[in-house]
Amino acid sequence: MNKFVVKTQNRNAVKFWNDIPKRLIDIVLSLLGVVLLAPAFAIIAVLIRRDSPGPVFFRGKRAGYKGKPFWILKFRTMYETPDSYNGSKITASEDSRVTQLGRWLRKTKLNELPQLWNVLKGDMSLVGPRPEDYDIARTWSKDVFEEVLSVRPGITGPASVTYRNEEAMIEQDGMMDTYINKILPTKLRMDQLYVRHRSILLDLDVLLWTFLILLPKLGDFSPSEKSLFIGPTTWFVRRYANWFLLDALASFFSIGVVGLFWRSYGPLDVGVSTSLLFALAFTFLFSIVGLLMGTHRIVWDKAANSDIFQIILASVLATVVAAVVNRHIPNYYTPNKFLFPEGLIIISALLTTIMMILARYRKGILNTLINQFPGFRFWTITAQERVLLIGSGESAQLAAWWLRGGRRGDAFRIIGCLDDDLFKQGLRINGIEVLGKCHQVERLVRKHDVGILVFAIHNIKENRAREILDLCKRTDAKLLIFPNVLERLEMVMNHASSNGTRDIQSAKSVHSAGAF
């Protein structure tokens, strides 16, 4: 339980530090918007006063941060009549309460511009769940209310982009039922997704989509939900920019270290700026070659060992190109010589490649060090549950893979496995040490303070399995029996294969019948 509390607190801390730059961006951009758009504000204000009698601005009660009500500011788009205030809280298409100018303001979303003042005050944010009418928000379930309003509402958001033409979806008859039962559930679900996955990158993507859909020729374009939450900015930064920055740092470091070492044995008249440019050029070359080879599609936290060859090949090709280019760039400090010694390029490229590999496989390397060397266990969280596998065969390896996967890898630590095979004693199988035989389970549970036993042996006799299970039940550890997934999968495959054979035979019969 403590483990999950720690993880929740860590996530909240990450969101807290993410919200600090978000608020700074809100202040800067909203202040800039109010100043730059002041002339537009004045023009719209004059048009509203000429269009119909009444105030320029509309103030509506909305549910804000942590459920606290606030007054949202908009340009008035309705006639100043009792029906406008006492009528439905939802606006439908061809609503008679909306003025002629108001229809245009709503269509272009210019009526929302005064909310920059709400953002500057701190009632709202540029990006967030769209603020709902206070009375409607009070009808939400408690969980949804608390989650959606755990952040400041926004001028725009994923749900706002999707339902930018909301009024056109609602007709006069039964407008409230249509909104509450058909539109609102989807909007709330998208708002919850935004709250759970909010980040600066997501906000930038939402702002980009908002700008694009407001352009006249792109107004009918509707990005998919996946594109809303994993937009161009998020996709580019996560797949390219992050790794490019790490690779550039590795290249700068390698050339710097090798250059200092080289200068200690002889002259190296290149210059710092030239060295930095060369390191940056090498990083670009590596990234371009990697892009062509598809390295950007590899999830390096879960990369296979064979994926390392793509890094090596991309680095070799980039090194060859760099060496060829180096031969054709004159050295202004030392004429008749290459810009860089070729040995320096090769050694720097080798060191850079090693650092690139370490950066991408750092998680797997750390896990290996933690499992093999007790001195590295300070990297682990003390709340991790210790697991002992009963068995070392395919089922046990499948159980180990499952326990180490995703977020589960932070919650469990496999300390070893048990197997009665004499030839396996003391060996390490896929990083898991065989600590002893099954009859030693009670002693090993006490020795290693094991909290969970995972029984994963399915190729033994029933009596022997029952004996081992009885021994496991005598310990203080929780006993889990891992299902025989492999046998069931093999049964399914055999069944599919036999059905396929019958289908082929049936097809042959039909073909033969047709021949007559």
Protein backbone atom coordinates (compact mmCIF):
# COMPACT_ATOMS: atom_id res chain seq x y z
CA MET A 1 0.00 0.00 0.00
CA ASN A 2 2.81 2.42 0.83
CA LYS A 3 4.23 1.82 -2.62
CA PHE A 4 1.13 3.08 -4.36
CA VAL A 5 0.88 6.06 -2.04
CA VAL A 6 4.46 6.97 -2.93
CA LYS A 7 3.74 6.65 -6.65
CA THR A 8 0.60 8.82 -6.37
CA GLN A 9 2.51 11.48 -4.44
CA ASN A 10 5.26 11.42 -7.08
CA ARG A 11 2.74 11.89 -9.88
CA ASN A 12 1.11 14.78 -8.02
CA ALA A 13 4.54 16.36 -7.51
CA VAL A 14 5.27 16.07 -11.24
CA LYS A 15 1.93 17.71 -12.06
CA PHE A 16 2.63 20.45 -9.50
CA TRP A 17 5.96 21.35 -11.09
CA ASN A 18 4.33 21.14 -14.51
CA ASP A 19 1.65 23.62 -13.39
CA ILE A 20 4.20 26.29 -12.41
CA PRO A 21 5.44 26.98 -15.97
CA LYS A 22 1.85 26.55 -17.21
CA ARG A 23 0.69 29.42 -14.98
CA LEU A 24 3.64 31.59 -16.05
CA ILE A 25 2.78 30.95 -19.71
CA ASP A 26 -0.86 31.82 -18.99
CA ILE A 27 0.10 35.14 -17.42
CA VAL A 28 2.53 36.15 -20.16
CA LEU A 29 0.33 35.17 -23.11
CA SER A 30 -2.92 36.51 -21.66
CA LEU A 31 -1.30 39.85 -20.79
CA LEU A 32 0.23 40.01 -24.26
CA GLY A 33 -3.14 39.12 -25.81
CA VAL A 34 -5.04 41.79 -23.86
CA VAL A 35 -2.53 44.46 -24.92
CA LEU A 36 -2.26 43.46 -28.60
CA LEU A 37 -5.98 42.80 -29.06
CA ALA A 38 -7.11 46.01 -27.35
CA PRO A 39 -7.94 47.66 -30.73
CA ALA A 40 -10.00 44.60 -31.75
CA PHE A 41 -11.78 44.71 -28.39
CA ALA A 42 -12.71 48.35 -29.02
CA ILE A 43 -14.03 47.66 -32.54
CA ILE A 44 -16.14 44.68 -31.38
CA ALA A 45 -17.48 46.74 -28.46
CA VAL A 46 -18.65 49.48 -30.86
CA LEU A 47 -20.29 46.91 -33.16
CA ILE A 48 -22.16 45.30 -30.25
CA ARG A 49 -23.50 48.64 -29.01
CA ARG A 50 -24.72 49.48 -32.51
CA ASP A 51 -26.21 46.04 -33.11
CA SER A 52 -28.56 45.95 -30.11
CA PRO A 53 -29.07 47.81 -26.84
CA GLY A 54 -27.38 46.41 -23.77
CA PRO A 55 -23.94 45.95 -22.20
CA VAL A 56 -20.87 44.99 -24.21
CA PHE A 57 -19.90 42.08 -21.97
CA PHE A 58 -21.79 39.09 -20.62
CA ARG A 59 -20.94 37.66 -17.20
CA GLY A 60 -21.97 34.08 -16.50
CA LYS A 61 -21.59 31.95 -13.38
CA ARG A 62 -19.28 28.99 -14.00
CA ALA A 63 -17.76 26.18 -11.93
CA GLY A 64 -14.08 26.92 -11.47
CA TYR A 65 -10.97 25.50 -9.85
CA LYS A 66 -11.88 23.04 -7.05
CA GLY A 67 -15.55 23.80 -7.61
CA LYS A 68 -15.31 27.44 -6.65
CA PRO A 69 -17.72 29.54 -8.75
CA PHE A 70 -16.44 32.45 -10.81
CA TRP A 71 -17.87 34.87 -13.37
CA ILE A 72 -16.78 34.17 -16.93
CA LEU A 73 -16.44 37.14 -19.26
CA LYS A 74 -17.63 37.11 -22.89
CA PHE A 75 -18.77 39.57 -25.52
CA ARG A 76 -22.55 39.74 -25.38
CA THR A 77 -24.16 37.79 -28.22
CA MET A 78 -27.83 37.75 -27.09
CA TYR A 79 -30.54 40.34 -26.89
CA GLU A 80 -30.78 42.05 -23.53
CA THR A 81 -34.18 40.57 -22.65
CA PRO A 82 -35.52 38.47 -19.76
CA ASP A 83 -35.72 35.42 -22.06
CA SER A 84 -31.96 35.56 -22.60
CA TYR A 85 -31.34 35.22 -18.87
CA ASN A 86 -34.28 33.02 -17.85
CA GLY A 87 -34.22 30.67 -20.84
CA SER A 88 -32.21 27.49 -21.38
CA LYS A 89 -28.61 27.52 -20.22
CA ILE A 90 -27.70 25.76 -23.48
CA THR A 91 -27.68 27.56 -26.80
CA ALA A 92 -29.00 25.68 -29.83
CA SER A 93 -28.73 26.29 -33.55
CA GLU A 94 -30.90 29.15 -34.82
CA ASP A 95 -31.54 30.27 -31.24
CA SER A 96 -33.86 33.28 -31.41
CA ARG A 97 -32.12 34.89 -28.43
CA VAL A 98 -28.87 35.37 -30.39
CA THR A 99 -28.37 38.62 -32.27
CA GLN A 100 -27.26 38.81 -35.89
CA LEU A 101 -23.80 40.02 -34.87
CA GLY A 102 -23.79 37.47 -32.06
CA ARG A 103 -24.09 34.60 -34.54
CA TRP A 104 -20.95 35.78 -36.31
CA LEU A 105 -19.09 36.29 -33.02
CA ARG A 106 -20.02 32.78 -31.88
CA LYS A 107 -19.08 31.20 -35.20
CA THR A 108 -15.65 32.86 -35.22
CA LYS A 109 -15.25 32.34 -31.43
CA LEU A 110 -14.39 36.04 -31.04
CA ASN A 111 -16.94 36.25 -28.23
CA GLU A 112 -14.52 34.21 -26.10
CA LEU A 113 -11.64 36.72 -26.30
CA PRO A 114 -12.53 38.60 -23.06
CA GLN A 115 -11.73 35.39 -21.18
CA LEU A 116 -8.08 36.42 -21.51
CA TRP A 117 -8.91 38.64 -18.54
CA ASN A 118 -10.17 35.58 -16.61
CA VAL A 119 -6.88 33.85 -17.43
CA LEU A 120 -4.86 36.84 -16.25
CA LYS A 121 -6.83 36.95 -12.99
CA GLY A 122 -6.25 33.24 -12.38
CA ASP A 123 -9.87 32.09 -12.76
CA MET A 124 -9.02 30.23 -15.96
CA SER A 125 -6.14 28.90 -18.03
CA LEU A 126 -5.49 29.08 -21.75
CA VAL A 127 -5.94 25.29 -21.99
CA GLY A 128 -8.12 23.16 -19.77
CA PRO A 129 -11.61 21.67 -19.41
CA ARG A 130 -14.20 24.07 -20.75
CA PRO A 131 -15.91 25.84 -17.79
CA GLU A 132 -19.42 24.50 -17.31
CA ASP A 133 -22.49 26.33 -16.04
CA TYR A 134 -22.39 26.15 -12.26
CA ASP A 135 -25.86 24.59 -11.90
CA ILE A 136 -25.12 21.92 -14.52
CA ALA A 137 -21.74 21.11 -12.97
CA ARG A 138 -23.42 20.43 -9.62
CA THR A 139 -25.32 17.55 -11.26
CA TRP A 140 -22.08 15.70 -12.06
CA SER A 141 -21.04 12.72 -9.98
CA LYS A 142 -18.69 13.51 -7.12
CA ASP A 143 -15.70 11.72 -8.70
CA VAL A 144 -16.08 13.51 -12.03
CA PHE A 145 -16.68 16.87 -10.33
CA GLU A 146 -13.54 16.58 -8.21
CA GLU A 147 -11.33 15.32 -11.03
CA VAL A 148 -12.38 17.72 -13.81
CA LEU A 149 -12.29 20.74 -11.47
CA SER A 150 -8.93 19.78 -9.97
CA VAL A 151 -7.40 22.10 -12.58
CA ARG A 152 -8.31 25.55 -13.82
CA PRO A 153 -10.88 25.53 -16.65
CA GLY A 154 -9.58 26.70 -20.01
CA ILE A 155 -10.50 28.88 -22.93
CA THR A 156 -9.86 25.85 -25.12
CA GLY A 157 -9.21 22.16 -24.60
CA PRO A 158 -9.50 18.80 -26.37
CA ALA A 159 -13.27 18.72 -25.79
CA SER A 160 -13.59 22.33 -26.99
CA VAL A 161 -11.82 21.47 -30.24
CA THR A 162 -14.02 18.41 -30.81
CA TYR A 163 -17.25 20.23 -29.98
CA ARG A 164 -16.43 23.60 -31.48
CA ASN A 165 -19.68 23.38 -33.47
CA GLU A 166 -21.70 22.21 -30.49
CA GLU A 167 -24.59 24.59 -31.16
CA ALA A 168 -25.10 23.08 -34.62
CA MET A 169 -25.52 19.64 -33.00
CA ILE A 170 -28.34 20.83 -30.75
CA GLU A 171 -31.83 21.65 -31.95
CA GLN A 172 -34.42 23.77 -30.19
CA ASP A 173 -36.65 20.82 -29.22
CA GLY A 174 -35.17 18.92 -26.29
CA MET A 175 -31.93 20.86 -26.33
CA MET A 176 -31.13 20.19 -22.66
CA ASP A 177 -31.75 16.44 -22.97
CA THR A 178 -29.54 16.28 -26.07
CA TYR A 179 -26.74 18.11 -24.30
CA ILE A 180 -26.93 16.22 -20.99
CA ASN A 181 -27.38 12.72 -22.44
CA LYS A 182 -25.40 12.80 -25.70
CA ILE A 183 -22.78 15.54 -25.65
CA LEU A 184 -21.86 16.08 -22.02
CA PRO A 185 -20.70 12.48 -21.24
CA THR A 186 -18.17 12.56 -24.07
CA LYS A 187 -16.97 16.04 -23.11
CA LEU A 188 -16.48 14.98 -19.50
CA ARG A 189 -14.58 11.86 -20.55
CA MET A 190 -12.24 13.96 -22.69
CA ASP A 191 -11.85 16.47 -19.84
CA GLN A 192 -10.88 13.63 -17.51
CA LEU A 193 -8.33 12.39 -20.04
CA TYR A 194 -6.88 15.89 -20.25
CA VAL A 195 -6.57 16.16 -16.46
CA ARG A 196 -4.82 12.80 -16.24
CA HIS A 197 -2.38 13.44 -19.09
CA ARG A 198 -1.98 17.21 -18.94
CA SER A 199 1.43 18.61 -19.81
CA ILE A 200 2.99 21.64 -21.46
CA LEU A 201 3.34 19.64 -24.69
CA LEU A 202 -0.34 18.69 -24.66
CA ASP A 203 -1.28 22.33 -24.10
CA LEU A 204 0.85 23.40 -27.07
CA ASP A 205 -0.85 20.78 -29.23
CA VAL A 206 -4.32 21.94 -28.18
CA LEU A 207 -3.42 25.57 -28.92
CA LEU A 208 -2.10 24.50 -32.33
CA TRP A 209 -5.29 22.58 -33.16
CA THR A 210 -7.40 25.51 -31.95
CA PHE A 211 -5.55 27.89 -34.24
CA LEU A 212 -5.85 25.53 -37.22
CA ILE A 213 -9.59 24.90 -36.90
CA LEU A 214 -10.26 28.64 -36.70
CA LEU A 215 -8.67 29.15 -40.12
CA PRO A 216 -11.40 29.53 -42.77
CA LYS A 217 -10.24 26.73 -45.08
CA LEU A 218 -9.53 24.29 -42.24
CA GLY A 219 -12.66 24.90 -40.22
CA ASP A 220 -14.26 21.61 -41.28
CA PHE A 221 -11.18 19.58 -40.33
CA SER A 222 -11.67 17.53 -37.19
CA PRO A 223 -8.60 15.92 -35.58
CA SER A 224 -9.06 12.48 -34.09
CA GLU A 225 -9.03 11.97 -30.35
CA LYS A 226 -5.62 10.33 -30.60
CA SER A 227 -4.28 13.35 -32.51
CA LEU A 228 -5.68 15.68 -29.86
CA PHE A 229 -3.83 14.00 -27.01
CA ILE A 230 -0.74 12.99 -28.99
CA GLY A 231 -0.43 15.92 -31.33
CA PRO A 232 2.42 17.12 -33.54
CA THR A 233 4.32 18.83 -30.70
CA THR A 234 4.12 15.86 -28.32
CA TRP A 235 4.96 13.41 -31.11
CA PHE A 236 7.96 15.41 -32.31
CA VAL A 237 9.43 16.08 -28.86
CA ARG A 238 9.02 12.54 -27.56
CA ARG A 239 10.22 10.78 -30.70
CA TYR A 240 12.88 13.17 -31.92
CA ALA A 241 13.72 16.23 -29.82
CA ASN A 242 14.43 14.43 -26.53
CA TRP A 243 16.77 11.91 -28.12
CA PHE A 244 18.37 14.53 -30.34
CA LEU A 245 19.21 16.62 -27.27
CA LEU A 246 20.69 13.61 -25.42
CA ASP A 247 22.65 12.55 -28.51
CA ALA A 248 23.96 16.09 -28.99
CA LEU A 249 25.14 16.23 -25.36
CA ALA A 250 26.83 12.84 -25.82
CA SER A 251 28.53 14.07 -29.00
CA PHE A 252 29.67 17.35 -27.39
CA PHE A 253 31.04 15.48 -24.38
CA SER A 254 32.84 12.87 -26.49
CA ILE A 255 34.53 15.35 -28.82
CA GLY A 256 35.46 17.54 -25.85
CA VAL A 257 37.01 14.70 -23.84
CA VAL A 258 38.80 13.14 -26.81
CA GLY A 259 39.96 16.60 -27.95
CA LEU A 260 41.49 17.38 -24.55
CA PHE A 261 43.17 13.99 -24.50
CA TRP A 262 44.47 14.54 -28.05
CA ARG A 263 45.89 17.96 -27.23
CA SER A 264 47.88 16.52 -24.33
CA TYR A 265 49.92 14.54 -26.89
CA GLY A 266 50.16 17.05 -29.70
CA PRO A 267 48.73 20.19 -31.27
CA LEU A 268 45.06 20.35 -32.21
CA ASP A 269 44.33 23.68 -33.86
CA VAL A 270 40.60 23.54 -34.53
CA GLY A 271 38.81 25.96 -32.25
CA VAL A 272 35.95 25.48 -29.79
CA SER A 273 33.22 26.81 -32.10
CA THR A 274 34.32 24.50 -34.93
CA SER A 275 34.33 21.52 -32.59
CA LEU A 276 30.82 22.31 -31.36
CA LEU A 277 29.55 22.72 -34.91
CA PHE A 278 31.13 19.42 -35.91
CA ALA A 279 29.53 17.67 -32.91
CA LEU A 280 26.15 19.13 -33.81
CA ALA A 281 26.59 18.09 -37.46
CA PHE A 282 27.45 14.54 -36.38
CA THR A 283 24.30 14.43 -34.24
CA PHE A 284 22.23 15.58 -37.21
CA LEU A 285 23.81 12.90 -39.38
CA PHE A 286 23.13 10.22 -36.78
CA SER A 287 19.50 11.38 -36.38
CA ILE A 288 18.86 11.45 -40.13
CA VAL A 289 20.33 7.99 -40.65
CA GLY A 290 18.40 6.73 -37.61
CA LEU A 291 15.21 8.25 -39.02
CA LEU A 292 15.72 6.42 -42.31
CA MET A 293 16.35 3.18 -40.41
CA GLY A 294 13.28 3.62 -38.20
CA THR A 295 15.01 3.98 -34.82
CA HIS A 296 12.42 6.63 -33.86
CA ARG A 297 9.77 3.90 -33.81
CA ILE A 298 11.58 1.88 -31.12
CA VAL A 299 10.36 2.21 -27.53
CA TRP A 300 13.76 2.12 -25.92
CA ASP A 301 12.47 1.34 -22.43
CA LYS A 302 11.23 -1.94 -23.88
CA ALA A 303 13.78 -2.39 -26.68
CA ALA A 304 15.10 -5.81 -27.67
CA ASN A 305 18.82 -6.51 -27.49
CA SER A 306 18.93 -6.78 -31.27
CA ASP A 307 17.83 -3.13 -31.60
CA ILE A 308 21.28 -2.09 -30.45
CA PHE A 309 22.62 -2.93 -33.92
CA GLN A 310 20.50 -0.19 -35.44
CA ILE A 311 22.28 2.37 -33.23
CA ILE A 312 25.66 0.93 -34.16
CA LEU A 313 24.85 0.88 -37.88
CA ALA A 314 23.49 4.45 -37.80
CA SER A 315 26.60 5.60 -35.95
CA VAL A 316 28.94 3.83 -38.40
CA LEU A 317 27.23 5.41 -41.40
CA ALA A 318 27.28 8.84 -39.75
CA THR A 319 30.98 8.39 -38.96
CA VAL A 320 31.78 7.46 -42.56
CA VAL A 321 29.95 10.54 -43.85
CA ALA A 322 31.68 12.73 -41.25
CA ALA A 323 35.11 11.35 -42.24
CA VAL A 324 34.44 12.01 -45.93
CA VAL A 325 33.26 15.56 -45.25
CA ASN A 326 36.24 16.13 -42.96
CA ARG A 327 38.61 15.35 -45.84
CA HIS A 328 37.10 18.16 -47.94
CA ILE A 329 37.09 20.91 -45.32
CA PRO A 330 40.39 22.80 -45.14
CA ASN A 331 42.03 23.57 -41.81
CA TYR A 332 42.67 27.31 -41.72
CA TYR A 333 44.93 26.96 -38.70
CA THR A 334 47.15 24.28 -40.23
CA PRO A 335 47.13 24.26 -44.08
CA ASN A 336 47.44 20.99 -46.03
CA LYS A 337 45.82 19.03 -43.19
CA PHE A 338 42.35 17.73 -42.53
CA LEU A 339 40.10 19.76 -40.26
CA PHE A 340 40.15 17.00 -37.62
CA PRO A 341 42.56 14.09 -37.30
CA GLU A 342 40.77 10.98 -38.52
CA GLY A 343 41.73 9.11 -35.38
CA LEU A 344 39.97 11.75 -33.27
CA ILE A 345 36.79 11.36 -35.34
CA ILE A 346 36.79 7.57 -34.99
CA ILE A 347 37.46 7.60 -31.23
CA SER A 348 34.89 10.36 -30.63
CA ALA A 349 32.30 8.48 -32.69
CA LEU A 350 33.01 5.29 -30.73
CA LEU A 351 32.63 7.05 -27.39
CA THR A 352 29.47 8.81 -28.60
CA THR A 353 27.98 5.51 -29.72
CA ILE A 354 28.66 3.93 -26.33
CA MET A 355 27.00 6.87 -24.56
CA MET A 356 24.00 6.71 -26.91
CA ILE A 357 23.58 3.01 -26.15
CA LEU A 358 23.89 3.61 -22.41
CA ALA A 359 21.27 6.38 -22.58
CA ARG A 360 18.78 4.16 -24.38
CA TYR A 361 19.37 1.01 -22.35
CA ARG A 362 19.90 2.74 -19.01
CA LYS A 363 16.84 1.18 -17.38
CA GLY A 364 17.81 -2.36 -18.31
CA ILE A 365 21.42 -1.76 -17.26
CA LEU A 366 20.35 -0.38 -13.88
CA ASN A 367 18.00 -3.32 -13.30
CA THR A 368 20.83 -5.73 -14.11
CA LEU A 369 23.18 -3.97 -11.69
CA ILE A 370 20.52 -3.96 -8.97
CA ASN A 371 19.82 -7.67 -9.40
CA GLN A 372 23.47 -8.74 -9.59
CA PHE A 373 25.15 -6.40 -7.11
CA PRO A 374 23.58 -5.74 -3.69
CA GLY A 375 25.47 -2.46 -3.47
CA PHE A 376 23.24 -0.98 -6.16
CA ARG A 377 20.02 -1.73 -4.31
CA PHE A 378 19.80 1.81 -2.96
CA TRP A 379 18.29 2.62 -6.37
CA THR A 380 15.22 0.53 -5.53
CA ILE A 381 12.25 1.73 -3.51
CA THR A 382 12.00 0.10 -0.12
CA ALA A 383 8.26 -0.51 -0.60
CA GLN A 384 8.91 -3.01 -3.42
CA GLU A 385 7.36 -6.41 -2.76
CA ARG A 386 9.89 -9.27 -2.86
CA VAL A 387 8.86 -12.15 -5.11
CA LEU A 388 10.17 -15.71 -5.24
CA LEU A 389 9.30 -17.82 -8.29
CA ILE A 390 8.57 -21.52 -7.82
CA GLY A 391 9.96 -22.95 -11.05
CA SER A 392 12.39 -21.73 -13.67
CA GLY A 393 10.84 -22.99 -16.91
CA GLU A 394 8.86 -21.20 -19.59
CA SER A 395 5.88 -20.46 -17.34
CA ALA A 396 8.17 -18.98 -14.67
CA GLN A 397 9.94 -16.83 -17.26
CA LEU A 398 6.58 -15.64 -18.56
CA ALA A 399 5.56 -14.76 -14.99
CA ALA A 400 8.83 -12.88 -14.50
CA TRP A 401 8.28 -10.95 -17.73
CA TRP A 402 4.79 -9.98 -16.57
CA LEU A 403 5.98 -8.89 -13.12
CA ARG A 404 8.72 -6.73 -14.61
CA GLY A 405 6.53 -5.12 -17.24
CA GLY A 406 5.24 -1.52 -17.17
CA ARG A 407 4.41 0.00 -13.80
CA ARG A 408 4.47 -3.45 -12.18
CA GLY A 409 8.26 -3.37 -12.51
CA ASP A 410 8.36 -0.63 -9.88
CA ALA A 411 6.16 -2.57 -7.46
CA PHE A 412 7.89 -5.98 -7.46
CA ARG A 413 11.45 -7.24 -7.22
CA ILE A 414 12.17 -10.84 -8.15
CA ILE A 415 14.85 -12.13 -5.81
CA GLY A 416 15.23 -15.55 -7.46
CA CYS A 417 13.54 -18.85 -8.31
CA LEU A 418 13.46 -22.47 -7.11
CA ASP A 419 13.93 -25.59 -9.21
CA ASP A 420 14.57 -29.24 -8.37
CA ASP A 421 16.88 -29.75 -11.37
CA LEU A 422 20.39 -30.40 -10.01
CA PHE A 423 22.06 -28.95 -13.10
CA LYS A 424 20.32 -25.59 -12.63
CA GLN A 425 21.38 -24.95 -9.05
CA GLY A 426 23.32 -21.69 -8.68
CA LEU A 427 22.79 -20.73 -12.32
CA ARG A 428 21.21 -17.53 -13.59
CA ILE A 429 18.38 -17.84 -16.12
CA ASN A 430 17.36 -14.61 -17.88
CA GLY A 431 18.81 -12.64 -15.00
CA ILE A 432 17.04 -14.71 -12.31
CA GLU A 433 19.21 -16.80 -9.99
CA VAL A 434 18.18 -20.34 -9.04
CA LEU A 435 18.46 -20.07 -5.23
CA GLY A 436 17.73 -23.71 -4.38
CA LYS A 437 15.24 -26.54 -4.56
CA CYS A 438 11.51 -26.38 -3.90
CA HIS A 439 11.71 -28.07 -0.50
CA GLN A 440 13.83 -25.12 0.74
CA VAL A 441 11.05 -22.61 0.21
CA GLU A 442 10.35 -22.00 3.93
CA ARG A 443 13.99 -21.21 4.73
CA LEU A 444 14.44 -18.97 1.68
CA VAL A 445 11.26 -17.02 2.40
CA ARG A 446 12.56 -16.20 5.88
CA LYS A 447 16.08 -15.46 4.66
CA HIS A 448 15.08 -13.06 1.87
CA ASP A 449 11.95 -11.64 3.53
CA VAL A 450 9.78 -12.79 0.61
CA GLY A 451 6.25 -11.37 0.49
CA ILE A 452 4.87 -13.21 -2.55
CA LEU A 453 5.39 -16.74 -3.87
CA VAL A 454 4.46 -17.32 -7.52
CA PHE A 455 3.90 -20.99 -8.34
CA ALA A 456 4.70 -21.43 -12.05
CA ILE A 457 5.37 -25.15 -12.59
CA HIS A 458 2.97 -27.02 -14.87
CA ASN A 459 5.00 -29.94 -16.22
CA ILE A 460 5.10 -32.05 -13.04
CA LYS A 461 2.82 -34.68 -11.57
CA GLU A 462 -0.21 -33.59 -9.59
CA ASN A 463 1.00 -35.19 -6.34
CA ARG A 464 4.34 -33.39 -6.50
CA ALA A 465 2.61 -30.10 -7.29
CA ARG A 466 0.35 -30.55 -4.26
CA GLU A 467 3.39 -31.24 -2.03
CA ILE A 468 5.12 -28.05 -3.16
CA LEU A 469 1.95 -26.01 -2.71
CA ASP A 470 1.57 -27.36 0.83
CA LEU A 471 5.12 -26.25 1.60
CA CYS A 472 4.39 -22.78 0.20
CA LYS A 473 1.25 -22.45 2.31
CA ARG A 474 3.28 -23.04 5.49
CA THR A 475 5.19 -19.80 4.89
CA ASP A 476 4.04 -16.28 5.76
CA ALA A 477 4.20 -15.22 2.11
CA LYS A 478 1.15 -14.83 -0.10
CA LEU A 479 0.79 -17.65 -2.62
CA LEU A 480 -0.19 -16.92 -6.22
CA ILE A 481 -0.63 -19.64 -8.85
CA PHE A 482 0.37 -18.44 -12.31
CA PRO A 483 -1.99 -19.83 -14.98
CA ASN A 484 -0.72 -22.27 -17.56
CA VAL A 485 -0.95 -19.72 -20.36
CA LEU A 486 1.43 -21.56 -22.68
CA GLU A 487 -0.57 -24.79 -22.64
CA ARG A 488 -3.80 -22.92 -23.32
CA LEU A 489 -2.16 -20.98 -26.13
CA GLU A 490 -0.86 -24.22 -27.65
CA MET A 491 -4.36 -25.71 -27.46
CA VAL A 492 -5.79 -22.68 -29.25
CA MET A 493 -3.08 -22.86 -31.93
CA ASN A 494 -3.68 -26.59 -32.46
CA HIS A 495 -7.41 -25.99 -32.68
CA ALA A 496 -6.89 -23.18 -35.20
CA SER A 497 -4.48 -25.36 -37.17
CA SER A 498 -6.91 -28.27 -37.31
CA ASN A 499 -9.74 -25.94 -38.37
CA GLY A 500 -7.47 -24.53 -41.04
CA THR A 501 -6.75 -28.05 -42.31
CA ARG A 502 -10.47 -28.85 -42.47
CA ASP A 503 -11.08 -25.59 -44.30
CA ILE A 504 -8.41 -26.49 -46.83
CA GLN A 505 -9.87 -29.95 -47.30
CA SER A 506 -13.33 -28.47 -47.66
CA ALA A 507 -12.05 -26.00 -50.22
CA LYS A 508 -10.43 -28.83 -52.18
CA SER A 509 -13.73 -30.72 -52.15
CA VAL A 510 -15.61 -27.71 -53.46
CA HIS A 511 -12.96 -27.22 -56.15
CA SER A 512 -13.16 -30.89 -57.14
CA ALA A 513 -16.96 -30.71 -57.29
CA GLY A 514 -16.71 -27.71 -59.52
CA ALA A 515 -14.39 -29.57 -61.87
CA PHE A 516 -17.17 -31.98 -62.80
